[in-house]
C-alpha cells in the first residue's frame, strides 16, 4: 500500500526538530500511512523512527533504504483513509 506514496516529511541537517515532530504528527493524522525520507541522519534512521513511533503512538511498518514507513490509524472512523479489508 505504501509503494506508490511519496515521502511527506524529510529529516534534514537539523535532525529531529520540533517542526519534524509536528509534520509527522499532522501527516499521520491526515494520511495514516506515510513515508519519511532521511536526507541526513541516515545512520540514526532506526533510532529516530523508533522515537517517532513511540512518542506519536504509531507503528513502524518498515525502513527501505533511507525511507521509513509509519502508520497510525485515525481514531475517527469517518476520517480513516487506509483500509486493510482487501489486503493480502
PDB file of N, CA and C in Angstrom:
ATOM      1  N   UNK A   1       0.820  -1.211   0.000  1.00  0.00           N
ATOM      2  CA  UNK A   1       0.000   0.000   0.000  1.00  0.00           C
ATOM      3  C   UNK A   1       0.854   1.260   0.000  1.00  0.00           C
ATOM      4  N   UNK A   2       2.026   1.199   0.586  1.00  0.00           N
ATOM      5  CA  UNK A   2       2.877   2.383   0.675  1.00  0.00           C
ATOM      6  C   UNK A   2       3.734   2.575  -0.567  1.00  0.00           C
ATOM      7  N   UNK A   3       3.778   1.573  -1.430  1.00  0.00           N
ATOM      8  CA  UNK A   3       4.680   1.621  -2.578  1.00  0.00           C
ATOM      9  C   UNK A   3       4.529   2.901  -3.409  1.00  0.00           C
ATOM     10  N   UNK A   4       3.331   3.295  -3.707  1.00  0.00           N
ATOM     11  CA  UNK A   4       3.103   4.456  -4.559  1.00  0.00           C
ATOM     12  C   UNK A   4       3.129   5.798  -3.849  1.00  0.00           C
ATOM     13  N   UNK A   5       3.346   5.791  -2.552  1.00  0.00           N
ATOM     14  CA  UNK A   5       3.353   7.047  -1.796  1.00  0.00           C
ATOM     15  C   UNK A   5       4.675   7.779  -1.944  1.00  0.00           C
ATOM     16  N   UNK A   6       4.606   9.088  -1.960  1.00  0.00           N
ATOM     17  CA  UNK A   6       5.803   9.920  -1.909  1.00  0.00           C
ATOM     18  C   UNK A   6       6.066  10.303  -0.457  1.00  0.00           C
ATOM     19  N   UNK A   7       7.334  10.497  -0.086  1.00  0.00           N
ATOM     20  CA  UNK A   7       7.617  10.951   1.284  1.00  0.00           C
ATOM     21  C   UNK A   7       6.956  12.298   1.556  1.00  0.00           C
ATOM     22  N   UNK A   8       6.347  12.423   2.739  1.00  0.00           N
ATOM     23  CA  UNK A   8       5.684  13.673   3.099  1.00  0.00           C
ATOM     24  C   UNK A   8       6.481  14.472   4.119  1.00  0.00           C
ATOM     25  N   UNK A   9       7.478  13.842   4.730  1.00  0.00           N
ATOM     26  CA  UNK A   9       8.329  14.516   5.710  1.00  0.00           C
ATOM     27  C   UNK A   9       9.773  14.161   5.394  1.00  0.00           C
ATOM     28  N   UNK A  10      10.655  15.151   5.506  1.00  0.00           N
ATOM     29  CA  UNK A  10      12.084  14.941   5.286  1.00  0.00           C
ATOM     30  C   UNK A  10      12.845  15.248   6.572  1.00  0.00           C
ATOM     31  N   UNK A  11      13.786  14.383   6.908  1.00  0.00           N
ATOM     32  CA  UNK A  11      14.679  14.650   8.040  1.00  0.00           C
ATOM     33  C   UNK A  11      15.986  15.125   7.434  1.00  0.00           C
ATOM     34  N   UNK A  12      16.290  16.405   7.658  1.00  0.00           N
ATOM     35  CA  UNK A  12      17.467  17.020   7.060  1.00  0.00           C
ATOM     36  C   UNK A  12      18.575  17.275   8.059  1.00  0.00           C
ATOM     37  N   UNK A  13      19.371  18.282   7.760  1.00  0.00           N
ATOM     38  CA  UNK A  13      20.590  18.554   8.535  1.00  0.00           C
ATOM     39  C   UNK A  13      20.322  18.915   9.993  1.00  0.00           C
ATOM     40  N   UNK A  14      19.126  19.385  10.307  1.00  0.00           N
ATOM     41  CA  UNK A  14      18.810  19.748  11.693  1.00  0.00           C
ATOM     42  C   UNK A  14      18.237  18.582  12.501  1.00  0.00           C
ATOM     43  N   UNK A  15      18.032  17.469  11.857  1.00  0.00           N
ATOM     44  CA  UNK A  15      17.574  16.272  12.567  1.00  0.00           C
ATOM     45  C   UNK A  15      16.121  16.328  12.989  1.00  0.00           C
ATOM     46  N   UNK A  16      15.872  15.800  14.154  1.00  0.00           N
ATOM     47  CA  UNK A  16      14.513  15.653  14.679  1.00  0.00           C
ATOM     48  C   UNK A  16      14.099  16.931  15.413  1.00  0.00           C
ATOM     49  N   UNK A  17      13.715  17.934  14.650  1.00  0.00           N
ATOM     50  CA  UNK A  17      13.320  19.232  15.202  1.00  0.00           C
ATOM     51  C   UNK A  17      11.849  19.214  15.594  1.00  0.00           C
ATOM     52  N   UNK A  18      11.419  20.273  16.271  1.00  0.00           N
ATOM     53  CA  UNK A  18      10.002  20.417  16.607  1.00  0.00           C
ATOM     54  C   UNK A  18       9.146  20.406  15.343  1.00  0.00           C
ATOM     55  N   UNK A  19       9.676  21.014  14.283  1.00  0.00           N
ATOM     56  CA  UNK A  19       8.954  21.047  13.018  1.00  0.00           C
ATOM     57  C   UNK A  19       8.760  19.662  12.422  1.00  0.00           C
ATOM     58  N   UNK A  20       9.763  18.806  12.549  1.00  0.00           N
ATOM     59  CA  UNK A  20       9.646  17.435  12.053  1.00  0.00           C
ATOM     60  C   UNK A  20       8.608  16.677  12.869  1.00  0.00           C
ATOM     61  N   UNK A  21       8.675  16.806  14.200  1.00  0.00           N
ATOM     62  CA  UNK A  21       7.682  16.155  15.065  1.00  0.00           C
ATOM     63  C   UNK A  21       6.269  16.556  14.657  1.00  0.00           C
ATOM     64  N   UNK A  22       6.055  17.858  14.493  1.00  0.00           N
ATOM     65  CA  UNK A  22       4.733  18.375  14.148  1.00  0.00           C
ATOM     66  C   UNK A  22       4.306  17.893  12.762  1.00  0.00           C
ATOM     67  N   UNK A  23       5.223  17.907  11.802  1.00  0.00           N
ATOM     68  CA  UNK A  23       4.896  17.481  10.442  1.00  0.00           C
ATOM     69  C   UNK A  23       4.518  16.000  10.403  1.00  0.00           C
ATOM     70  N   UNK A  24       5.240  15.170  11.139  1.00  0.00           N
ATOM     71  CA  UNK A  24       4.922  13.740  11.178  1.00  0.00           C
ATOM     72  C   UNK A  24       3.570  13.518  11.840  1.00  0.00           C
ATOM     73  N   UNK A  25       3.321  14.187  12.948  1.00  0.00           N
ATOM     74  CA  UNK A  25       2.047  14.042  13.654  1.00  0.00           C
ATOM     75  C   UNK A  25       0.885  14.454  12.754  1.00  0.00           C
ATOM     76  N   UNK A  26       1.017  15.585  12.072  1.00  0.00           N
ATOM     77  CA  UNK A  26      -0.046  16.061  11.178  1.00  0.00           C
ATOM     78  C   UNK A  26      -0.234  15.136   9.980  1.00  0.00           C
ATOM     79  N   UNK A  27       0.875  14.646   9.432  1.00  0.00           N
ATOM     80  CA  UNK A  27       0.786  13.748   8.278  1.00  0.00           C
ATOM     81  C   UNK A  27       0.094  12.440   8.668  1.00  0.00           C
ATOM     82  N   UNK A  28       0.410  11.905   9.845  1.00  0.00           N
ATOM     83  CA  UNK A  28      -0.256  10.697  10.312  1.00  0.00           C
ATOM     84  C   UNK A  28      -1.742  10.954  10.540  1.00  0.00           C
ATOM     85  N   UNK A  29      -2.062  12.112  11.053  1.00  0.00           N
ATOM     86  CA  UNK A  29      -3.467  12.480  11.285  1.00  0.00           C
ATOM     87  C   UNK A  29      -4.243  12.522   9.968  1.00  0.00           C
ATOM     88  N   UNK A  30      -3.613  13.084   8.940  1.00  0.00           N
ATOM     89  CA  UNK A  30      -4.293  13.287   7.656  1.00  0.00           C
ATOM     90  C   UNK A  30      -4.235  12.087   6.719  1.00  0.00           C
ATOM     91  N   UNK A  31      -3.139  11.327   6.773  1.00  0.00           N
ATOM     92  CA  UNK A  31      -2.928  10.266   5.785  1.00  0.00           C
ATOM     93  C   UNK A  31      -2.881   8.852   6.371  1.00  0.00           C
ATOM     94  N   UNK A  32      -2.606   8.749   7.640  1.00  0.00           N
ATOM     95  CA  UNK A  32      -2.457   7.482   8.368  1.00  0.00           C
ATOM     96  C   UNK A  32      -1.200   6.707   7.975  1.00  0.00           C
ATOM     97  N   UNK A  33      -0.960   6.500   6.707  1.00  0.00           N
ATOM     98  CA  UNK A  33       0.208   5.774   6.213  1.00  0.00           C
ATOM     99  C   UNK A  33       1.115   6.769   5.507  1.00  0.00           C
ATOM    100  N   UNK A  34       2.345   6.934   6.018  1.00  0.00           N
ATOM    101  CA  UNK A  34       3.238   7.955   5.460  1.00  0.00           C
ATOM    102  C   UNK A  34       4.650   7.414   5.276  1.00  0.00           C
ATOM    103  N   UNK A  35       5.400   8.138   4.450  1.00  0.00           N
ATOM    104  CA  UNK A  35       6.817   7.866   4.281  1.00  0.00           C
ATOM    105  C   UNK A  35       7.609   9.076   4.777  1.00  0.00           C
ATOM    106  N   UNK A  36       8.726   8.785   5.439  1.00  0.00           N
ATOM    107  CA  UNK A  36       9.645   9.822   5.908  1.00  0.00           C
ATOM    108  C   UNK A  36      10.986   9.558   5.251  1.00  0.00           C
ATOM    109  N   UNK A  37      11.522  10.549   4.570  1.00  0.00           N
ATOM    110  CA  UNK A  37      12.808  10.398   3.893  1.00  0.00           C
ATOM    111  C   UNK A  37      13.918  11.000   4.747  1.00  0.00           C
ATOM    112  N   UNK A  38      14.985  10.242   4.903  1.00  0.00           N
ATOM    113  CA  UNK A  38      16.154  10.706   5.644  1.00  0.00           C
ATOM    114  C   UNK A  38      17.181  11.228   4.661  1.00  0.00           C
ATOM    115  N   UNK A  39      17.274  12.558   4.579  1.00  0.00           N
ATOM    116  CA  UNK A  39      18.266  13.202   3.729  1.00  0.00           C
ATOM    117  C   UNK A  39      19.598  13.225   4.472  1.00  0.00           C
ATOM    118  N   UNK A  40      19.546  13.493   5.749  1.00  0.00           N
ATOM    119  CA  UNK A  40      20.692  13.429   6.659  1.00  0.00           C
ATOM    120  C   UNK A  40      20.300  12.494   7.802  1.00  0.00           C
ATOM    121  N   UNK A  41      21.194  12.266   8.724  1.00  0.00           N
ATOM    122  CA  UNK A  41      20.957  11.384   9.876  1.00  0.00           C
ATOM    123  C   UNK A  41      20.601   9.964   9.435  1.00  0.00           C
ATOM    124  N   UNK A  42      21.156   9.550   8.303  1.00  0.00           N
ATOM    125  CA  UNK A  42      20.866   8.216   7.762  1.00  0.00           C
ATOM    126  C   UNK A  42      21.339   7.115   8.707  1.00  0.00           C
ATOM    127  N   UNK A  43      22.420   7.355   9.414  1.00  0.00           N
ATOM    128  CA  UNK A  43      22.931   6.349  10.352  1.00  0.00           C
ATOM    129  C   UNK A  43      22.039   6.213  11.585  1.00  0.00           C
ATOM    130  N   UNK A  44      21.211   7.205  11.840  1.00  0.00           N
ATOM    131  CA  UNK A  44      20.335   7.203  13.021  1.00  0.00           C
ATOM    132  C   UNK A  44      18.872   6.947  12.668  1.00  0.00           C
ATOM    133  N   UNK A  45      18.600   6.568  11.431  1.00  0.00           N
ATOM    134  CA  UNK A  45      17.204   6.452  10.979  1.00  0.00           C
ATOM    135  C   UNK A  45      16.399   5.455  11.809  1.00  0.00           C
ATOM    136  N   UNK A  46      17.008   4.351  12.233  1.00  0.00           N
ATOM    137  CA  UNK A  46      16.273   3.371  13.037  1.00  0.00           C
ATOM    138  C   UNK A  46      15.907   3.945  14.406  1.00  0.00           C
ATOM    139  N   UNK A  47      16.857   4.653  15.027  1.00  0.00           N
ATOM    140  CA  UNK A  47      16.594   5.267  16.335  1.00  0.00           C
ATOM    141  C   UNK A  47      15.556   6.381  16.232  1.00  0.00           C
ATOM    142  N   UNK A  48      15.674   7.205  15.206  1.00  0.00           N
ATOM    143  CA  UNK A  48      14.729   8.311  15.026  1.00  0.00           C
ATOM    144  C   UNK A  48      13.326   7.770  14.744  1.00  0.00           C
ATOM    145  N   UNK A  49      13.232   6.773  13.883  1.00  0.00           N
ATOM    146  CA  UNK A  49      11.922   6.179  13.584  1.00  0.00           C
ATOM    147  C   UNK A  49      11.313   5.569  14.841  1.00  0.00           C
ATOM    148  N   UNK A  50      12.137   4.936  15.666  1.00  0.00           N
ATOM    149  CA  UNK A  50      11.636   4.349  16.921  1.00  0.00           C
ATOM    150  C   UNK A  50      11.125   5.431  17.866  1.00  0.00           C
ATOM    151  N   UNK A  51      11.839   6.556  17.956  1.00  0.00           N
ATOM    152  CA  UNK A  51      11.404   7.668  18.806  1.00  0.00           C
ATOM    153  C   UNK A  51      10.056   8.209  18.322  1.00  0.00           C
ATOM    154  N   UNK A  52       9.944   8.395  17.019  1.00  0.00           N
ATOM    155  CA  UNK A  52       8.706   8.931  16.453  1.00  0.00           C
ATOM    156  C   UNK A  52       7.536   7.996  16.712  1.00  0.00           C
ATOM    157  N   UNK A  53       7.724   6.716  16.463  1.00  0.00           N
ATOM    158  CA  UNK A  53       6.611   5.786  16.632  1.00  0.00           C
ATOM    159  C   UNK A  53       6.180   5.669  18.091  1.00  0.00           C
ATOM    160  N   UNK A  54       7.149   5.653  18.997  1.00  0.00           N
ATOM    161  CA  UNK A  54       6.810   5.531  20.416  1.00  0.00           C
ATOM    162  C   UNK A  54       6.070   6.770  20.916  1.00  0.00           C
ATOM    163  N   UNK A  55       6.601   7.929  20.611  1.00  0.00           N
ATOM    164  CA  UNK A  55       6.024   9.170  21.118  1.00  0.00           C
ATOM    165  C   UNK A  55       4.693   9.511  20.454  1.00  0.00           C
ATOM    166  N   UNK A  56       4.558   9.198  19.169  1.00  0.00           N
ATOM    167  CA  UNK A  56       3.351   9.572  18.432  1.00  0.00           C
ATOM    168  C   UNK A  56       2.343   8.431  18.317  1.00  0.00           C
ATOM    169  N   UNK A  57       2.573   7.354  19.058  1.00  0.00           N
ATOM    170  CA  UNK A  57       1.669   6.197  19.063  1.00  0.00           C
ATOM    171  C   UNK A  57       1.408   5.669  17.655  1.00  0.00           C
ATOM    172  N   UNK A  58       2.474   5.509  16.910  1.00  0.00           N
ATOM    173  CA  UNK A  58       2.389   4.997  15.543  1.00  0.00           C
ATOM    174  C   UNK A  58       3.088   3.644  15.467  1.00  0.00           C
ATOM    175  N   UNK A  59       2.993   3.026  14.323  1.00  0.00           N
ATOM    176  CA  UNK A  59       3.657   1.751  14.072  1.00  0.00           C
ATOM    177  C   UNK A  59       4.687   1.953  12.968  1.00  0.00           C
ATOM    178  N   UNK A  60       5.859   1.389  13.161  1.00  0.00           N
ATOM    179  CA  UNK A  60       6.869   1.403  12.117  1.00  0.00           C
ATOM    180  C   UNK A  60       6.603   0.194  11.229  1.00  0.00           C
ATOM    181  N   UNK A  61       6.198   0.449  10.015  1.00  0.00           N
ATOM    182  CA  UNK A  61       5.912  -0.626   9.067  1.00  0.00           C
ATOM    183  C   UNK A  61       7.213  -1.194   8.528  1.00  0.00           C
ATOM    184  N   UNK A  62       8.175  -0.316   8.276  1.00  0.00           N
ATOM    185  CA  UNK A  62       9.467  -0.779   7.788  1.00  0.00           C
ATOM    186  C   UNK A  62      10.348   0.374   7.374  1.00  0.00           C
ATOM    187  N   UNK A  63      11.589   0.040   7.125  1.00  0.00           N
ATOM    188  CA  UNK A  63      12.553   1.007   6.604  1.00  0.00           C
ATOM    189  C   UNK A  63      13.169   0.381   5.361  1.00  0.00           C
ATOM    190  N   UNK A  64      13.045   1.078   4.257  1.00  0.00           N
ATOM    191  CA  UNK A  64      13.610   0.629   2.994  1.00  0.00           C
ATOM    192  C   UNK A  64      14.559   1.713   2.518  1.00  0.00           C
ATOM    193  N   UNK A  65      15.834   1.384   2.455  1.00  0.00           N
ATOM    194  CA  UNK A  65      16.831   2.386   2.095  1.00  0.00           C
ATOM    195  C   UNK A  65      16.842   3.477   3.145  1.00  0.00           C
ATOM    196  N   UNK A  66      16.611   4.691   2.725  1.00  0.00           N
ATOM    197  CA  UNK A  66      16.585   5.828   3.645  1.00  0.00           C
ATOM    198  C   UNK A  66      15.176   6.378   3.826  1.00  0.00           C
ATOM    199  N   UNK A  67      14.196   5.489   3.692  1.00  0.00           N
ATOM    200  CA  UNK A  67      12.798   5.885   3.852  1.00  0.00           C
ATOM    201  C   UNK A  67      12.139   4.998   4.895  1.00  0.00           C
ATOM    202  N   UNK A  68      11.518   5.648   5.885  1.00  0.00           N
ATOM    203  CA  UNK A  68      10.765   4.936   6.921  1.00  0.00           C
ATOM    204  C   UNK A  68       9.279   5.048   6.589  1.00  0.00           C
ATOM    205  N   UNK A  69       8.557   3.959   6.815  1.00  0.00           N
ATOM    206  CA  UNK A  69       7.117   3.923   6.566  1.00  0.00           C
ATOM    207  C   UNK A  69       6.429   3.786   7.920  1.00  0.00           C
ATOM    208  N   UNK A  70       5.558   4.742   8.243  1.00  0.00           N
ATOM    209  CA  UNK A  70       4.847   4.760   9.516  1.00  0.00           C
ATOM    210  C   UNK A  70       3.341   4.707   9.283  1.00  0.00           C
ATOM    211  N   UNK A  71       2.646   4.142  10.269  1.00  0.00           N
ATOM    212  CA  UNK A  71       1.192   4.055  10.202  1.00  0.00           C
ATOM    213  C   UNK A  71       0.600   4.356  11.576  1.00  0.00           C
ATOM    214  N   UNK A  72      -0.478   5.129  11.561  1.00  0.00           N
ATOM    215  CA  UNK A  72      -1.267   5.352  12.776  1.00  0.00           C
ATOM    216  C   UNK A  72      -2.719   5.504  12.353  1.00  0.00           C
ATOM    217  N   UNK A  73      -3.550   4.588  12.839  1.00  0.00           N
ATOM    218  CA  UNK A  73      -4.963   4.614  12.477  1.00  0.00           C
ATOM    219  C   UNK A  73      -5.646   5.814  13.118  1.00  0.00           C
ATOM    220  N   UNK A  74      -6.451   6.496  12.333  1.00  0.00           N
ATOM    221  CA  UNK A  74      -7.225   7.619  12.844  1.00  0.00           C
ATOM    222  C   UNK A  74      -8.324   7.061  13.745  1.00  0.00           C
ATOM    223  N   UNK A  75      -8.461   7.570  14.962  1.00  0.00           N
ATOM    224  CA  UNK A  75      -9.486   7.050  15.865  1.00  0.00           C
ATOM    225  C   UNK A  75     -10.915   7.316  15.384  1.00  0.00           C
ATOM    226  N   UNK A  76     -11.092   8.312  14.535  1.00  0.00           N
ATOM    227  CA  UNK A  76     -12.409   8.645  13.992  1.00  0.00           C
ATOM    228  C   UNK A  76     -12.646   7.822  12.718  1.00  0.00           C
ATOM    229  N   UNK A  77     -13.570   6.884  12.775  1.00  0.00           N
ATOM    230  CA  UNK A  77     -13.842   6.006  11.633  1.00  0.00           C
ATOM    231  C   UNK A  77     -14.192   6.780  10.362  1.00  0.00           C
ATOM    232  N   UNK A  78     -14.822   7.922  10.522  1.00  0.00           N
ATOM    233  CA  UNK A  78     -15.225   8.739   9.373  1.00  0.00           C
ATOM    234  C   UNK A  78     -14.017   9.343   8.654  1.00  0.00           C
ATOM    235  N   UNK A  79     -12.910   9.522   9.358  1.00  0.00           N
ATOM    236  CA  UNK A  79     -11.726  10.164   8.786  1.00  0.00           C
ATOM    237  C   UNK A  79     -10.654   9.167   8.349  1.00  0.00           C
ATOM    238  N   UNK A  80     -10.905   7.876   8.500  1.00  0.00           N
ATOM    239  CA  UNK A  80      -9.911   6.868   8.125  1.00  0.00           C
ATOM    240  C   UNK A  80      -9.707   6.848   6.619  1.00  0.00           C
ATOM    241  N   UNK A  81      -8.454   6.788   6.238  1.00  0.00           N
ATOM    242  CA  UNK A  81      -8.062   6.802   4.834  1.00  0.00           C
ATOM    243  C   UNK A  81      -7.627   5.411   4.383  1.00  0.00           C
ATOM    244  N   UNK A  82      -6.966   4.677   5.253  1.00  0.00           N
ATOM    245  CA  UNK A  82      -6.390   3.381   4.913  1.00  0.00           C
ATOM    246  C   UNK A  82      -7.346   2.273   5.335  1.00  0.00           C
ATOM    247  N   UNK A  83      -7.565   1.338   4.425  1.00  0.00           N
ATOM    248  CA  UNK A  83      -8.405   0.188   4.713  1.00  0.00           C
ATOM    249  C   UNK A  83      -7.613  -1.079   4.412  1.00  0.00           C
ATOM    250  N   UNK A  84      -7.626  -2.014   5.345  1.00  0.00           N
ATOM    251  CA  UNK A  84      -6.907  -3.265   5.180  1.00  0.00           C
ATOM    252  C   UNK A  84      -7.853  -4.425   4.849  1.00  0.00           C
ATOM    253  N   UNK A  85      -9.072  -4.131   4.521  1.00  0.00           N
ATOM    254  CA  UNK A  85     -10.072  -5.173   4.292  1.00  0.00           C
ATOM    255  C   UNK A  85      -9.700  -6.131   3.172  1.00  0.00           C
ATOM    256  N   UNK A  86      -9.190  -5.628   2.068  1.00  0.00           N
ATOM    257  CA  UNK A  86      -8.898  -6.477   0.908  1.00  0.00           C
ATOM    258  C   UNK A  86      -7.409  -6.662   0.668  1.00  0.00           C
ATOM    259  N   UNK A  87      -6.594  -6.399   1.659  1.00  0.00           N
ATOM    260  CA  UNK A  87      -5.154  -6.541   1.518  1.00  0.00           C
ATOM    261  C   UNK A  87      -4.741  -7.945   1.915  1.00  0.00           C
ATOM    262  N   UNK A  88      -3.912  -8.549   1.110  1.00  0.00           N
ATOM    263  CA  UNK A  88      -3.419  -9.895   1.433  1.00  0.00           C
ATOM    264  C   UNK A  88      -1.955  -9.858   1.689  1.00  0.00           C
TER     265      UNK A  88
END
